[in-house]
Protein backbone atom coordinates (compact mmCIF):
# COMPACT_ATOMS: atom_id res chain seq x y z
CA MET A 1 34.52 -27.40 -3.77
CA LYS A 2 31.83 -27.59 -6.38
CA LEU A 3 28.31 -26.89 -5.09
CA MET A 4 25.76 -29.53 -6.01
CA PHE A 5 21.97 -29.07 -5.67
CA PRO A 6 18.97 -31.38 -6.15
CA SER A 7 17.79 -31.63 -9.72
CA SER A 8 14.41 -30.15 -8.73
CA VAL A 9 16.08 -26.75 -8.21
CA ARG A 10 17.05 -26.62 -11.86
CA ASN A 11 13.92 -24.98 -13.29
CA TRP A 12 13.08 -21.53 -14.56
CA LEU A 13 10.55 -20.73 -11.81
CA SER A 14 12.94 -21.48 -8.95
CA LEU A 15 15.75 -19.72 -10.80
CA ALA A 16 13.51 -16.65 -11.19
CA GLY A 17 12.80 -16.78 -7.43
CA VAL A 18 16.53 -16.87 -6.64
CA ILE A 19 17.16 -13.89 -8.94
CA ILE A 20 14.30 -11.93 -7.33
CA VAL A 21 15.58 -12.69 -3.81
CA LEU A 22 19.19 -11.73 -4.55
CA THR A 23 18.17 -8.58 -6.45
CA SER A 24 15.78 -7.50 -3.65
CA LEU A 25 18.42 -8.16 -1.00
CA PHE A 26 21.01 -6.16 -2.91
CA MET A 27 18.55 -3.27 -3.39
CA ILE A 28 17.62 -3.29 0.31
CA VAL A 29 21.28 -3.07 1.35
CA PHE A 30 22.07 -0.43 -1.26
CA LEU A 31 19.05 1.77 -0.47
CA PHE A 32 19.66 1.38 3.27
CA ILE A 33 23.12 2.88 2.76
CA VAL A 34 21.63 5.67 0.63
CA ALA A 35 18.96 6.40 3.26
CA SER A 36 21.61 6.48 5.99
CA VAL A 37 23.50 9.14 4.04
CA LEU A 38 20.44 11.22 3.12
CA LYS A 39 18.78 10.79 6.55
CA ASP A 40 15.73 13.11 6.75
CA GLN A 41 15.59 13.54 2.97
CA ALA A 42 14.88 9.84 2.40
CA VAL A 43 11.28 9.66 3.62
CA TYR A 44 9.96 7.68 0.65
CA LEU A 45 12.97 5.32 0.64
CA GLY A 46 11.82 3.94 3.98
CA LEU A 47 8.60 2.76 2.33
CA VAL A 48 10.62 0.95 -0.34
CA ILE A 49 13.27 -0.49 2.02
CA TYR A 50 11.07 -1.76 4.83
CA ILE A 51 7.79 -2.57 3.10
CA LEU A 52 7.90 -2.90 -0.69
CA LEU A 53 11.23 -4.69 -1.28
CA PRO A 54 10.77 -7.19 1.60
CA SER A 55 7.37 -8.07 0.11
CA VAL A 56 9.00 -8.68 -3.28
CA MET A 57 11.73 -10.78 -1.64
CA ILE A 58 9.15 -12.97 0.12
CA VAL A 59 7.42 -13.57 -3.23
CA GLY A 60 10.78 -14.66 -4.66
CA LEU A 61 11.37 -17.04 -1.73
CA LEU A 62 7.95 -18.61 -2.31
CA LEU A 63 8.71 -19.14 -6.00
CA ILE A 64 11.71 -21.36 -5.18
CA PRO A 65 9.79 -24.22 -3.46
CA VAL A 66 6.85 -23.82 -5.84
CA GLY A 67 9.21 -24.34 -8.78
CA MET A 68 10.83 -27.32 -7.04
CA LEU A 69 7.43 -28.98 -6.44
CA ARG A 70 6.43 -28.49 -10.05
CA GLU A 71 9.74 -29.93 -11.23
CA MET A 72 9.40 -32.96 -8.93
CA LYS A 73 5.89 -33.65 -10.26
CA ARG A 74 7.22 -33.43 -13.81
CA GLU A 75 9.99 -35.91 -12.98
CA GLN A 76 7.45 -38.25 -11.44
CA ARG A 77 5.28 -38.12 -14.53
CA GLU A 78 8.28 -38.91 -16.75
CA GLY A 79 9.62 -41.63 -14.46
CA GLU A 80 12.77 -39.72 -13.52
CA HIS A 81 11.83 -39.55 -9.84
CA PRO A 82 10.41 -42.16 -7.45
CA GLY A 83 6.77 -41.87 -6.41
CA PRO A 84 5.51 -39.49 -3.74
CA GLY A 85 6.66 -40.06 -0.18
CA TRP A 86 8.40 -38.37 2.71
CA PRO A 87 11.41 -36.23 1.73
CA ARG A 88 14.69 -38.04 2.26
CA ILE A 89 17.74 -36.16 3.59
CA ASP A 90 21.05 -37.93 3.33
CA LEU A 91 23.91 -35.69 4.49
CA ALA A 92 26.41 -38.19 3.12
CA GLU A 93 25.20 -37.26 -0.33
CA PRO A 94 26.87 -33.97 -1.50
CA ARG A 95 23.74 -32.56 -3.14
CA HIS A 96 21.62 -33.08 0.00
CA ARG A 97 24.39 -31.80 2.25
CA HIS A 98 24.90 -28.62 0.22
CA ALA A 99 21.17 -27.95 0.00
CA PHE A 100 20.75 -28.60 3.75
CA PHE A 101 23.50 -26.20 4.83
CA ILE A 102 22.37 -23.52 2.37
CA PHE A 103 18.82 -23.87 3.70
CA VAL A 104 19.93 -23.67 7.36
CA ILE A 105 22.30 -20.74 6.84
CA GLY A 106 19.86 -18.97 4.52
CA THR A 107 17.01 -19.44 7.01
CA ALA A 108 19.12 -18.04 9.86
CA ILE A 109 20.09 -15.00 7.79
CA PHE A 110 16.48 -14.51 6.64
CA VAL A 111 15.11 -14.73 10.21
CA LEU A 112 17.71 -12.23 11.40
CA LEU A 113 16.97 -9.84 8.56
CA SER A 114 13.23 -10.31 9.08
CA ALA A 115 13.55 -9.46 12.77
CA VAL A 116 15.56 -6.32 12.05
CA GLY A 117 13.38 -5.40 9.08
CA SER A 118 10.14 -5.94 11.00
CA TYR A 119 11.35 -3.70 13.80
CA GLU A 120 12.50 -1.02 11.39
CA ALA A 121 9.22 -1.27 9.44
CA PHE A 122 7.26 -0.86 12.69
CA HIS A 123 9.46 2.04 13.79
CA TYR A 124 9.24 3.69 10.37
CA SER A 125 5.46 3.32 10.02
CA GLU A 126 5.01 4.88 13.48
CA SER A 127 7.26 7.86 12.77
CA THR A 128 6.02 11.42 12.35
CA LYS A 129 7.77 11.66 8.97
CA PHE A 130 5.85 8.65 7.69
CA CYS A 131 2.49 9.99 8.90
CA GLY A 132 3.05 13.56 7.80
CA THR A 133 4.96 13.46 4.53
CA LEU A 134 4.13 10.20 2.77
CA CYS A 135 0.69 11.52 1.75
CA HIS A 136 1.89 15.10 1.49
CA SER A 137 -1.15 16.79 -0.03
CA VAL A 138 -3.56 15.20 2.45
CA MET A 139 -1.54 15.48 5.65
CA GLU A 140 0.32 18.74 4.96
CA PRO A 141 -1.96 20.85 7.22
CA GLU A 142 -1.75 18.39 10.13
CA TYR A 143 1.99 17.87 9.73
CA THR A 144 2.73 21.61 9.51
CA ALA A 145 0.52 22.47 12.50
CA HIS A 146 2.03 19.62 14.52
CA SER A 147 5.59 20.77 13.80
CA HIS A 148 4.78 24.18 15.36
CA SER A 149 2.84 22.84 18.34
CA PRO A 150 3.92 22.14 21.93
CA HIS A 151 3.77 18.42 21.01
CA ALA A 152 6.17 18.72 18.06
CA GLN A 153 8.55 16.20 19.67
CA VAL A 154 5.76 13.71 20.34
CA ALA A 155 5.22 11.13 17.57
CA CYS A 156 1.80 11.00 15.92
CA ALA A 157 1.32 7.38 16.97
CA ALA A 158 1.87 8.23 20.64
CA CYS A 159 -1.51 10.03 20.66
CA HIS A 160 -3.39 8.51 17.73
CA VAL A 161 -2.50 4.91 18.63
CA GLY A 162 -1.02 4.79 22.11
CA PRO A 163 0.34 1.70 23.86
CA GLY A 164 -0.90 -1.85 23.30
CA ALA A 165 -1.12 -4.27 20.38
CA ASP A 166 -4.93 -4.08 20.08
CA TRP A 167 -5.03 -0.38 19.23
CA TYR A 168 -1.98 -0.79 16.99
CA ALA A 169 -3.84 -3.44 14.97
CA ARG A 170 -6.98 -1.29 14.84
CA SER A 171 -5.02 1.70 13.59
CA LYS A 172 -3.38 -0.31 10.81
CA LEU A 173 -6.73 -1.77 9.72
CA SER A 174 -8.33 1.69 9.63
CA GLY A 175 -5.27 2.88 7.72
CA LEU A 176 -6.17 0.55 4.85
CA TYR A 177 -9.25 2.63 4.06
CA GLN A 178 -7.22 5.81 4.40
CA VAL A 179 -4.77 4.49 1.79
CA TYR A 180 -7.69 3.69 -0.51
CA ALA A 181 -9.31 7.10 0.06
CA THR A 182 -6.04 8.85 -0.74
CA MET A 183 -5.37 6.86 -3.90
CA ALA A 184 -8.98 7.21 -5.11
CA ASP A 185 -9.13 10.89 -4.09
CA VAL A 186 -12.36 10.41 -2.12
CA TYR A 187 -11.26 11.98 1.16
CA PRO A 188 -13.13 15.02 2.52
CA LYS A 189 -11.62 18.50 2.37
CA PRO A 190 -11.13 19.52 5.13
CA ILE A 191 -10.96 16.27 7.09
CA PRO A 192 -13.84 16.43 9.62
CA THR A 193 -13.31 16.38 13.36
CA PRO A 194 -13.75 15.15 16.01
CA ILE A 195 -12.44 11.81 14.76
CA LYS A 196 -14.79 8.89 15.29
CA HIS A 197 -13.59 5.99 17.44
CA LEU A 198 -10.62 7.98 18.71
CA ARG A 199 -8.92 6.32 21.63
CA PRO A 200 -10.13 7.79 24.97
CA ALA A 201 -7.96 10.72 26.02
CA ARG A 202 -7.41 9.31 29.48
CA ALA A 203 -5.73 6.25 27.97
CA VAL A 204 -3.34 8.41 25.95
CA CYS A 205 -2.98 11.96 27.32
CA GLU A 206 -2.64 10.80 30.90
CA GLN A 207 0.57 8.93 30.13
CA CYS A 208 2.20 12.35 30.53
CA HIS A 209 -0.55 14.60 31.89
CA TRP A 210 -1.80 12.41 34.71
CA PRO A 211 -4.61 13.81 36.92
CA ARG A 212 -2.60 13.61 40.12
CA LYS A 213 -0.07 16.07 38.72
CA PHE A 214 -1.99 19.02 40.03
CA TYR A 215 -1.60 22.57 38.81
CA GLY A 216 -2.18 25.84 40.59
CA HIS A 217 -2.73 29.25 39.02
CA LYS A 218 -0.92 30.26 35.85
CA LEU A 219 -0.07 33.79 34.67
CA GLN A 220 -0.68 34.37 30.98
CA LEU A 221 0.40 37.59 29.24
CA ARG A 222 -0.81 38.52 25.76
CA THR A 223 -0.47 41.46 23.39
CA HIS A 224 -3.23 42.31 20.95
CA TYR A 225 -2.80 44.98 18.29
CA LEU A 226 -5.61 47.32 17.36
CA SER A 227 -6.53 47.80 13.72
CA ASP A 228 -5.48 51.46 13.68
CA ARG A 229 -2.67 53.35 12.00
CA ASP A 230 -0.17 52.74 14.80
CA ASN A 231 -1.05 49.07 15.40
CA THR A 232 -1.57 50.10 19.02
CA PRO A 233 -0.52 47.26 21.36
CA TRP A 234 -3.09 46.34 23.99
CA ARG A 235 -1.56 44.20 26.72
CA ILE A 236 -3.59 41.99 29.00
CA GLY A 237 -2.49 39.59 31.73
CA LEU A 238 -4.73 36.83 33.06
CA ASN A 239 -4.30 34.78 36.20
CA LEU A 240 -5.68 31.49 34.90
CA LYS A 241 -7.21 29.41 37.66
CA VAL A 242 -6.13 26.07 36.23
CA GLY A 243 -6.40 24.60 39.70
CA PRO A 244 -6.67 25.94 43.24
CA PRO A 245 -4.43 28.80 44.49
CA GLN A 246 -1.90 26.18 45.68
CA SER A 247 -1.29 23.00 43.71
CA ALA A 248 -1.02 20.95 46.91
CA LEU A 249 -4.79 21.29 47.35
CA GLY A 250 -5.48 19.01 44.38
CA LEU A 251 -8.48 19.35 42.06
CA ILE A 252 -10.93 20.85 44.51
CA GLU A 253 -11.53 23.86 42.24
CA GLY A 254 -10.32 25.57 39.09
CA ILE A 255 -10.57 24.71 35.40
CA HIS A 256 -9.15 21.19 35.82
CA TRP A 257 -11.86 20.45 38.36
CA HIS A 258 -13.81 19.10 35.39
CA ILE A 259 -11.62 15.95 35.44
CA ASN A 260 -11.72 15.53 39.21
CA PRO A 261 -11.92 11.74 39.77
CA ARG A 262 -14.65 12.35 42.37
CA VAL A 263 -17.04 13.91 39.87
CA ARG A 264 -18.35 12.98 36.46
CA ILE A 265 -19.47 15.56 33.92
CA GLU A 266 -21.55 14.27 31.00
CA TYR A 267 -23.14 16.10 28.12
CA ILE A 268 -25.02 15.70 24.86
CA ALA A 269 -24.02 17.75 21.82
CA ALA A 270 -26.57 18.88 19.26
CA ASP A 271 -24.02 18.95 16.43
CA ARG A 272 -21.20 16.76 15.18
CA GLY A 273 -18.54 19.33 16.09
CA ARG A 274 -19.73 19.46 19.73
CA GLN A 275 -20.15 23.23 19.61
CA GLN A 276 -23.77 23.26 20.78
CA ILE A 277 -24.40 21.58 24.11
CA PRO A 278 -28.04 21.75 25.28
CA TRP A 279 -27.80 19.13 28.05
CA VAL A 280 -25.27 18.63 30.87
CA ARG A 281 -25.33 16.20 33.80
CA TYR A 282 -23.21 16.57 36.95
CA THR A 283 -22.68 13.55 39.23
CA ASN A 284 -20.89 13.67 42.56
CA LEU A 285 -19.44 10.17 42.89
CA ASP A 286 -18.99 10.52 46.67
CA SER A 287 -22.44 11.76 47.63
CA ALA A 288 -24.33 10.37 44.58
CA VAL A 289 -25.89 13.81 44.00
CA VAL A 290 -27.01 14.23 40.39
CA LYS A 291 -27.89 17.52 38.71
CA VAL A 292 -29.11 17.91 35.14
CA PHE A 293 -28.75 21.28 33.39
CA ARG A 294 -30.64 22.18 30.23
CA ASP A 295 -30.08 25.20 28.04
CA ARG A 296 -33.31 27.19 28.24
CA GLU A 297 -32.51 28.77 24.88
CA GLN A 298 -32.37 25.28 23.31
CA PRO A 299 -35.37 23.57 24.93
CA ALA A 300 -35.52 19.81 24.86
CA ASP A 301 -38.86 17.97 24.96
CA SER A 302 -37.43 14.81 26.49
CA PRO A 303 -35.47 14.42 29.76
CA ALA A 304 -32.34 13.96 27.65
CA PRO A 305 -32.20 15.07 24.00
CA ALA A 306 -31.41 12.43 21.43
CA GLY A 307 -27.70 11.89 20.99
CA GLU A 308 -24.64 10.26 22.50
CA ILE A 309 -24.09 10.91 26.20
CA ARG A 310 -20.40 11.69 26.37
CA THR A 311 -18.30 11.81 29.52
CA MET A 312 -16.19 14.94 29.54
CA ASP A 313 -12.43 14.43 29.26
CA CYS A 314 -9.31 16.37 28.24
CA MET A 315 -10.23 16.51 24.54
CA ASP A 316 -13.49 18.37 25.15
CA CYS A 317 -11.50 21.53 25.95
CA HIS A 318 -8.01 20.68 24.63
CA ASN A 319 -9.46 19.61 21.28
CA ARG A 320 -6.57 21.11 19.27
CA PRO A 321 -3.52 20.05 21.30
CA SER A 322 -1.23 19.40 18.33
CA HIS A 323 -3.05 20.60 15.22
CA LEU A 324 -4.08 24.19 15.97
CA TYR A 325 -4.97 26.42 13.05
CA ARG A 326 -4.96 29.94 14.42
CA ALA A 327 -7.16 32.77 13.20
CA PRO A 328 -5.52 35.58 11.18
CA ALA A 329 -6.08 38.13 13.96
CA GLN A 330 -4.34 35.72 16.33
CA PHE A 331 -1.31 34.70 14.28
CA ILE A 332 -0.69 38.23 13.01
CA ASP A 333 -0.62 39.46 16.62
CA SER A 334 1.93 36.77 17.50
CA ALA A 335 4.10 37.58 14.47
CA ILE A 336 4.15 41.30 15.28
CA THR A 337 5.06 40.56 18.89
CA ALA A 338 7.87 38.23 17.75
CA GLY A 339 9.16 40.81 15.26
CA ARG A 340 8.52 38.69 12.16
CA ILE A 341 6.13 41.41 10.97
CA PRO A 342 7.37 44.98 11.61
CA ALA A 343 5.07 46.93 13.93
CA GLN A 344 6.53 50.12 12.37
CA LEU A 345 4.50 49.52 9.20
CA PRO A 346 1.35 51.61 9.62
CA GLU A 347 -1.93 49.66 9.49
CA ILE A 348 -0.10 46.36 8.93
CA LYS A 349 -2.38 44.56 11.38
CA LYS A 350 -5.51 45.56 9.45
CA VAL A 351 -4.02 44.94 6.01
CA ALA A 352 -2.49 41.57 6.94
CA VAL A 353 -5.67 40.23 8.55
CA ARG A 354 -7.75 41.30 5.56
CA LEU A 355 -5.41 39.62 3.08
CA CYS A 356 -5.13 36.40 5.13
CA THR A 357 -8.91 36.19 5.38
CA SER A 358 -9.43 36.47 1.62
CA PRO A 359 -10.15 33.19 -0.23
CA TYR A 360 -7.43 31.72 -2.43
CA ALA A 361 -7.55 28.76 -4.81
CA SER A 362 -4.00 27.58 -4.11
CA PRO A 363 -0.99 28.37 -1.91
CA ASP A 364 0.85 29.97 -4.84
CA LEU A 365 -2.05 32.32 -5.52
CA ALA A 366 -2.19 33.13 -1.81
CA MET A 367 1.50 34.06 -1.71
CA GLN A 368 1.06 36.18 -4.82
CA GLY A 369 -2.10 37.83 -3.46
CA ILE A 370 -0.44 38.72 -0.15
CA ARG A 371 2.58 40.24 -1.88
CA THR A 372 0.47 42.21 -4.34
CA GLY A 373 -1.96 43.40 -1.67
CA ILE A 374 0.70 44.68 0.74
CA THR A 375 2.92 46.34 -1.87
CA GLN A 376 0.00 48.05 -3.60
CA PHE A 377 -1.41 49.29 -0.29
CA TYR A 378 1.83 50.95 0.82
CA ARG A 379 2.64 52.23 -2.67
CA ALA A 380 -0.75 53.97 -2.79
CA SER A 381 -1.33 54.95 0.85
CA TYR A 382 2.22 55.57 2.08
CA PRO A 383 4.36 56.31 -1.02
CA ASP A 384 7.17 57.97 0.96
CA LEU A 385 7.51 55.01 3.31
CA PHE A 386 7.33 52.60 0.36
CA ALA A 387 10.18 54.41 -1.38
CA ARG A 388 12.42 54.92 1.65
CA GLN A 389 11.76 51.70 3.60
CA PHE A 390 11.05 49.13 0.92
CA VAL A 391 13.09 46.55 2.90
CA LEU A 392 10.67 46.96 5.79
CA VAL A 393 7.72 46.35 3.46
CA GLU A 394 9.45 43.24 2.10
CA LYS A 395 9.93 41.95 5.64
CA GLY A 396 6.24 42.48 6.26
CA VAL A 397 5.36 40.55 3.09
CA ALA A 398 7.61 37.63 4.06
CA GLY A 399 6.26 37.56 7.61
CA VAL A 400 2.61 37.52 6.53
CA GLN A 401 3.31 34.84 3.91
CA GLN A 402 5.04 32.63 6.48
CA GLU A 403 2.22 32.94 8.99
CA PHE A 404 -0.38 32.21 6.32
CA SER A 405 1.46 29.10 5.12
CA GLU A 406 1.58 27.70 8.67
CA ASN A 407 -2.12 28.17 9.44
CA ILE A 408 -4.22 28.20 6.26
CA PHE A 409 -4.16 25.54 3.53
CA PRO A 410 -6.38 26.35 0.52
CA LEU A 411 -6.04 22.98 -1.28
CA MET A 412 -7.45 21.08 1.72
CA GLY A 413 -9.96 23.78 2.65
CA VAL A 414 -8.28 24.15 6.06
CA THR A 415 -8.87 27.42 7.89
CA TRP A 416 -9.37 28.37 11.52
CA LYS A 417 -13.14 28.28 10.92
CA ALA A 418 -13.06 24.59 10.02
CA TYR A 419 -11.48 23.57 13.33
CA PRO A 420 -12.86 25.43 16.39
CA ASP A 421 -10.54 25.71 19.36
CA ASN A 422 -12.39 25.12 22.63
CA ILE A 423 -9.74 26.65 24.90
CA GLY A 424 -11.12 30.01 26.02
CA HIS A 425 -14.02 31.84 24.40
CA PHE A 426 -12.52 34.57 22.22
CA TYR A 427 -12.96 33.35 18.64
CA PHE A 428 -15.11 30.27 19.35
CA PRO A 429 -17.76 29.50 22.01
CA GLY A 430 -15.37 27.22 23.93
CA CYS A 431 -16.19 27.59 27.63
CA PHE A 432 -19.45 29.36 26.82
CA ARG A 433 -20.86 26.18 25.31
CA CYS A 434 -21.87 25.36 28.88
CA HIS A 435 -20.87 28.42 30.93
CA ASN A 436 -23.25 30.84 29.22
CA GLY A 437 -25.66 31.41 32.11
CA THR A 438 -28.57 29.80 30.29
CA HIS A 439 -28.01 26.20 31.42
CA GLN A 440 -30.29 25.63 34.40
CA SER A 441 -31.38 22.69 36.52
CA ASP A 442 -34.95 21.97 37.63
CA GLN A 443 -34.07 23.77 40.88
CA ARG A 444 -33.18 26.93 38.88
CA GLU A 445 -29.49 26.48 39.64
CA ALA A 446 -27.42 27.74 36.70
CA ILE A 447 -23.96 26.87 35.39
CA SER A 448 -22.05 30.04 36.19
CA ALA A 449 -20.99 32.47 33.48
CA ASP A 450 -18.84 34.54 35.84
CA CYS A 451 -15.56 35.44 34.12
CA ASN A 452 -13.67 35.35 37.42
CA LEU A 453 -14.59 31.71 37.88
CA CYS A 454 -11.71 30.73 35.57
CA HIS A 455 -9.43 33.76 35.47
CA ASP A 456 -8.66 37.16 36.96
CA VAL A 457 -7.54 40.17 34.95
CA VAL A 458 -4.28 41.29 36.61
CA VAL A 459 -2.77 43.54 33.91
CA GLN A 460 -4.37 45.54 31.11
CA GLY A 461 -3.79 48.65 29.06
CA ILE A 462 -1.46 50.32 26.57
CA ALA A 463 2.22 50.56 27.50
CA GLY A 464 3.13 54.13 28.29
CA LYS A 465 -0.50 55.23 28.24
CA GLY A 466 -1.91 53.80 31.42
CA ILE A 467 -1.15 50.18 32.26
CA GLU A 468 -3.30 48.93 35.12
CA ALA A 469 -1.95 46.24 37.44
CA ALA A 470 -3.83 44.45 40.21
CA ARG A 471 -2.46 43.69 43.62
CA ILE A 472 -1.61 40.08 44.44
CA GLY A 473 -4.80 38.16 45.08
CA GLU A 474 -7.02 40.84 43.52
CA SER A 475 -8.64 41.22 40.12
CA LEU A 476 -9.22 44.21 37.82
CA ALA A 477 -12.55 45.02 36.25
CA PHE A 478 -12.08 44.20 32.58
CA ARG A 479 -11.78 47.26 30.34
CA HIS A 480 -12.40 46.80 26.62
CA PRO A 481 -9.63 48.40 24.51
CA GLU A 482 -12.26 50.23 22.48
CA ASP A 483 -15.11 52.18 24.04
CA ILE A 484 -18.17 49.99 23.52
CA GLY A 485 -19.79 50.67 26.86
CA ASP A 486 -21.19 47.64 28.65
CA ALA A 487 -21.95 45.76 25.42
CA TRP A 488 -19.15 43.28 26.08
CA GLN A 489 -20.95 42.16 29.26
CA GLN A 490 -24.13 41.27 27.38
CA THR A 491 -22.68 39.93 24.13
CA PRO A 492 -20.45 36.86 23.66
CA CYS A 493 -16.95 37.67 22.43
CA THR A 494 -17.54 35.55 19.33
CA ASP A 495 -20.27 37.90 18.06
CA CYS A 496 -17.56 40.48 17.22
CA HIS A 497 -14.28 38.58 17.34
CA THR A 498 -14.47 36.21 14.37
CA GLY A 499 -10.73 35.96 13.78
CA GLY A 500 -10.95 38.05 10.62
CA PRO A 501 -11.36 41.79 9.95
CA PRO A 502 -13.38 43.69 12.58
């Protein structure tokens, strides 16, 4: 049966639209098959399949009726077509019947493909691969850190967008500027945090970490290596008082007491990074008791210093839940413990931390600098070891390079110093932003700086040379691995422990 179409279809514009539609559809099907075969290697194909080609196909579909309208107006001007009026569909006429069935079938196929394509486009644009690898140079630090975090299996959108159409729309609108900033190369390096207008943590984090899932105490064991010839391992075990001694007691005490639904903790930060907090307000929602604490070392002339009054939530302590850039002293310790860096290499802790702290213009120069620094050090300082155990030195080089590449990103200016971690108080103020003993109320009541308020030392010392262990329910007096007297009691950890060389 010969297909017959209205004469208005026979024009170059409509014909061009048909060619564009068929070509786009063929390319979508072909690239979809390619992407299915390549799987994880086809990150950029998803952008073409689900966003670019469908946009081109829609343009082609619009050209068809536009060309038909232009052709009909031409026929009217030349007297080949009756005057304007309502379209007439006569299924008894072959041309109308063919056009009608093609339109109905084509529309059904297009709606089906649009539904599937829209879903796939939504799913693709919300994927971690899309967020982390499409703009590789910009998002490489965040993507790399996320892939090594406890939330590696949680999609970016689950935290940065969360549920609901309103925040989805807001995220896509804000993404338009991010696309512009990336293309115009006007984005900051490193990207500043905390992010403005971030969705409240309780609307996102508490989908999994809900407040009524109480926690008790948690034992945490760590090994730190001294910067001496033997990389002496100093082991310490902390009984973290995340909640009360028994989880059944709820949030009556412990670290997570700060998000107790019966209290509200508010504060004002003196800096954008929320590292200096001169003003804190405690409100008991049951008794209506209100206490305001001011840092006497940062006096404020007004009852509340100028700035945003922020209600404390998860992100004020867990501010690096998925994008943690660890300090060299921290990630070298972890790598030695895991065996990625041989502890048998003398002074490797000191050498590795020094090299990872040095500035580099690019990742390639960093890899070259680490290799050169380690090999030259052992060739000069330990020539016998370098000659007899070169494989061990090579393993040390590879381990340090790997740790560096997962935590420091020269092109984006990303280091541990750019993104403070508020959990603890070892390399950054963290807890001591408020719990420093200098925040006092008008009644001279101070926010406690007692170490045992949040944790007990239950194990400490060097294996084989005097490990101390506390009895259950008791705490050890902290002993600094190096003899510095009582200085550690008067000086914040961050004054000495910067994350780099001692």
